[in-house]
Amino acid sequence: MTEQLIEIGKRLYALRDIMELSSEDMAEKMKINAEEYEAHERGEKDFSFSFLHNAAGVLGVDVLDIMSGESPKLSRCTLVRKGKGYDIERRKAYDYKHLAFTFRKKKAEPFLVTIEPKSDEMEPDKHAHEGQEFNYILKGEVTFYLGDDIYELNEGDSVYFDSGIHHALRAIGGKSAQLIAIVMK
């Protein structure tokens, strides 16, 4: 349990309380069991992007409102310079930089994602969330898992998919990979 997980859990609780939802109602809307949801609120369980995306949808807020506690303020334009963006570190192998973190009422969540290679050969944990997603490979090679299908993607390749299907990416070739991921609500 880290301080960041505890803080995110507190924000989840506060937003749920404002919406007058019980933890059971919230879990049902997110299609998970209440014990799992409550463990997230207590900061005992790490958050996947899918969990945060689904919670934000139920609560009517942006993902970053839950993660950072800061409400974005812009609704006309946001500019993110090279190498900048709001850092999101959810899993060891993935580094996310949110590229529209100050834009209010987004219809899409754009990320610069860096994936580090893993030494084990096990299939990565797959996650699903509502909406659609577009991934464009900027550098490196990845294996893309979508349901039971597996695709090898190289620099310049892209994939657009139903993100309600469990999916994951893994860097291959012993090198990190980088991509633009756009999650549409």
Protein backbone atom coordinates (compact mmCIF):
# COMPACT_ATOMS: atom_id res chain seq x y z
CA MET A 1 0.00 0.00 0.00
CA THR A 2 1.54 3.31 -1.09
CA GLU A 3 0.58 6.87 -0.25
CA GLN A 4 -0.46 7.42 -3.89
CA LEU A 5 -2.84 4.43 -3.79
CA ILE A 6 -4.33 5.64 -0.51
CA GLU A 7 -4.88 9.16 -1.91
CA ILE A 8 -6.54 7.82 -5.07
CA GLY A 9 -8.73 5.59 -2.91
CA LYS A 10 -9.79 8.57 -0.80
CA ARG A 11 -10.75 10.51 -3.93
CA LEU A 12 -12.76 7.52 -5.19
CA TYR A 13 -14.59 7.35 -1.87
CA ALA A 14 -15.31 11.10 -1.86
CA LEU A 15 -16.60 11.13 -5.44
CA ARG A 16 -18.74 8.05 -4.82
CA ASP A 17 -20.13 9.66 -1.66
CA ILE A 18 -20.99 12.85 -3.57
CA MET A 19 -22.86 10.72 -6.13
CA GLU A 20 -24.68 9.00 -3.22
CA LEU A 21 -23.63 5.54 -4.41
CA SER A 22 -22.92 2.66 -2.07
CA SER A 23 -19.73 0.69 -2.67
CA GLU A 24 -21.95 -2.21 -3.80
CA ASP A 25 -23.72 0.05 -6.34
CA MET A 26 -20.38 1.33 -7.62
CA ALA A 27 -18.98 -2.19 -7.94
CA GLU A 28 -22.11 -3.35 -9.78
CA LYS A 29 -21.90 -0.46 -12.26
CA MET A 30 -18.22 -1.31 -12.84
CA LYS A 31 -19.01 -5.03 -13.21
CA ILE A 32 -16.64 -6.12 -10.43
CA ASN A 33 -17.32 -7.53 -6.97
CA ALA A 34 -17.76 -5.20 -3.99
CA GLU A 35 -14.75 -6.61 -2.09
CA GLU A 36 -12.43 -5.81 -5.01
CA TYR A 37 -13.85 -2.29 -5.33
CA GLU A 38 -13.55 -1.63 -1.59
CA ALA A 39 -9.92 -2.82 -1.62
CA HIS A 40 -9.22 -0.14 -4.24
CA GLU A 41 -10.90 2.53 -2.09
CA ARG A 42 -8.78 1.50 0.91
CA GLY A 43 -5.62 1.77 -1.22
CA GLU A 44 -4.87 -1.93 -0.80
CA LYS A 45 -5.02 -2.80 -4.50
CA ASP A 46 -3.16 -1.19 -7.40
CA PHE A 47 -5.25 0.56 -10.04
CA SER A 48 -5.25 -0.54 -13.67
CA PHE A 49 -6.06 2.07 -16.27
CA SER A 50 -9.21 0.09 -17.08
CA PHE A 51 -10.40 0.32 -13.48
CA LEU A 52 -9.78 4.08 -13.36
CA HIS A 53 -11.38 4.63 -16.77
CA ASN A 54 -14.49 2.68 -15.77
CA ALA A 55 -14.73 4.43 -12.37
CA ALA A 56 -14.37 7.84 -14.03
CA GLY A 57 -17.20 6.94 -16.41
CA VAL A 58 -19.52 5.97 -13.56
CA LEU A 59 -18.61 9.07 -11.55
CA GLY A 60 -18.78 11.47 -14.50
CA VAL A 61 -15.23 12.80 -14.11
CA ASP A 62 -11.97 12.59 -16.04
CA VAL A 63 -9.49 9.84 -15.19
CA LEU A 64 -7.01 12.48 -14.06
CA ASP A 65 -9.53 13.96 -11.62
CA ILE A 66 -9.32 10.64 -9.76
CA MET A 67 -5.57 10.20 -10.17
CA SER A 68 -4.31 13.69 -9.45
CA GLY A 69 -7.09 15.35 -7.48
CA GLU A 70 -6.67 18.38 -9.72
CA SER A 71 -9.53 19.28 -11.99
CA PRO A 72 -8.46 20.36 -15.48
CA LYS A 73 -9.49 23.88 -16.37
CA LEU A 74 -9.11 24.37 -20.14
CA SER A 75 -11.71 23.64 -22.79
CA ARG A 76 -10.29 25.31 -25.90
CA CYS A 77 -6.74 24.03 -26.29
CA THR A 78 -3.98 22.31 -24.40
CA LEU A 79 -0.33 22.17 -25.43
CA VAL A 80 2.13 19.56 -24.18
CA ARG A 81 5.79 20.00 -25.11
CA LYS A 82 8.10 17.14 -26.10
CA GLY A 83 8.95 14.92 -23.15
CA LYS A 84 6.29 16.50 -20.96
CA GLY A 85 2.81 15.35 -20.03
CA TYR A 86 1.28 14.16 -16.81
CA ASP A 87 3.25 11.08 -15.67
CA ILE A 88 1.16 8.06 -14.80
CA GLU A 89 3.03 5.03 -13.50
CA ARG A 90 0.54 2.23 -13.04
CA ARG A 91 2.58 -0.87 -13.84
CA LYS A 92 6.33 -1.46 -13.84
CA ALA A 93 6.50 -2.29 -17.55
CA TYR A 94 4.35 0.69 -18.66
CA ASP A 95 5.03 4.42 -18.42
CA TYR A 96 2.11 6.66 -19.41
CA LYS A 97 2.25 10.37 -20.15
CA HIS A 98 -1.21 11.90 -20.46
CA LEU A 99 -1.12 14.36 -23.36
CA ALA A 100 -4.32 16.33 -22.68
CA PHE A 101 -4.33 16.48 -18.90
CA THR A 102 -5.50 20.09 -18.67
CA PHE A 103 -8.34 19.82 -21.19
CA ARG A 104 -11.85 19.73 -19.73
CA LYS A 105 -14.65 17.47 -21.04
CA LYS A 106 -12.40 15.40 -23.28
CA LYS A 107 -13.97 12.97 -25.74
CA ALA A 108 -10.69 11.04 -25.86
CA GLU A 109 -7.74 10.37 -23.55
CA PRO A 110 -4.42 10.58 -25.48
CA PHE A 111 -1.30 9.01 -23.96
CA LEU A 112 2.34 8.58 -24.88
CA VAL A 113 3.08 5.06 -23.63
CA THR A 114 6.54 3.55 -23.16
CA ILE A 115 6.66 -0.21 -22.60
CA GLU A 116 9.75 -1.83 -21.14
CA PRO A 117 10.56 -5.41 -22.14
CA LYS A 118 9.91 -8.08 -19.53
CA SER A 119 12.11 -11.10 -19.00
CA ASP A 120 9.29 -13.59 -18.41
CA GLU A 121 7.45 -15.11 -21.35
CA MET A 122 4.03 -15.26 -19.70
CA GLU A 123 1.14 -13.49 -21.40
CA PRO A 124 0.61 -10.08 -19.75
CA ASP A 125 -2.48 -9.27 -17.68
CA LYS A 126 -5.22 -8.10 -20.00
CA HIS A 127 -7.62 -5.29 -19.14
CA ALA A 128 -10.82 -4.00 -20.67
CA HIS A 129 -12.67 -0.70 -20.48
CA GLU A 130 -15.61 0.90 -22.18
CA GLY A 131 -15.11 2.61 -25.52
CA GLN A 132 -12.65 2.26 -28.35
CA GLU A 133 -8.89 2.66 -28.56
CA PHE A 134 -6.32 3.58 -31.19
CA ASN A 135 -2.64 2.67 -30.80
CA TYR A 136 0.12 3.88 -33.15
CA ILE A 137 3.59 2.37 -32.70
CA LEU A 138 6.26 5.10 -32.72
CA LYS A 139 9.29 2.93 -32.03
CA GLY A 140 10.13 -0.67 -31.26
CA GLU A 141 8.09 -3.83 -31.65
CA VAL A 142 5.16 -5.07 -29.56
CA THR A 143 2.95 -8.07 -29.25
CA PHE A 144 -0.67 -6.94 -29.06
CA TYR A 145 -3.14 -9.25 -27.32
CA LEU A 146 -6.85 -8.75 -28.06
CA GLY A 147 -9.09 -11.44 -26.63
CA ASP A 148 -7.68 -14.69 -28.03
CA ASP A 149 -5.96 -12.96 -30.97
CA ILE A 150 -2.27 -12.04 -31.02
CA TYR A 151 -0.66 -9.53 -33.40
CA GLU A 152 2.95 -8.45 -33.90
CA LEU A 153 3.15 -4.66 -34.43
CA ASN A 154 6.18 -2.71 -35.66
CA GLU A 155 7.12 0.93 -35.96
CA GLY A 156 4.48 2.73 -38.04
CA ASP A 157 1.79 0.07 -37.49
CA SER A 158 -1.49 0.99 -35.86
CA VAL A 159 -4.48 -0.79 -34.41
CA TYR A 160 -8.00 0.50 -33.69
CA PHE A 161 -10.16 -1.76 -31.53
CA ASP A 162 -13.09 -2.22 -29.20
CA SER A 163 -11.47 -1.66 -25.81
CA GLY A 164 -14.28 -3.60 -24.13
CA ILE A 165 -12.34 -6.69 -25.27
CA HIS A 166 -9.56 -7.66 -22.85
CA HIS A 167 -6.27 -6.45 -24.27
CA ALA A 168 -2.59 -5.87 -23.48
CA LEU A 169 0.73 -4.95 -25.09
CA ARG A 170 4.21 -6.35 -24.55
CA ALA A 171 7.51 -4.96 -25.85
CA ILE A 172 9.51 -7.58 -27.71
CA GLY A 173 13.02 -7.88 -29.10
CA GLY A 174 14.62 -6.97 -25.77
CA LYS A 175 14.05 -3.25 -26.38
CA SER A 176 11.51 -0.74 -25.10
CA ALA A 177 8.66 0.32 -27.37
CA GLN A 178 6.77 3.58 -27.55
CA LEU A 179 3.29 4.31 -28.86
CA ILE A 180 0.51 6.84 -28.93
CA ALA A 181 -2.65 5.41 -27.36
CA ILE A 182 -5.94 7.27 -27.73
CA VAL A 183 -8.82 6.00 -25.60
CA MET A 184 -12.24 7.19 -26.78
CA LYS A 185 -15.17 7.24 -24.42
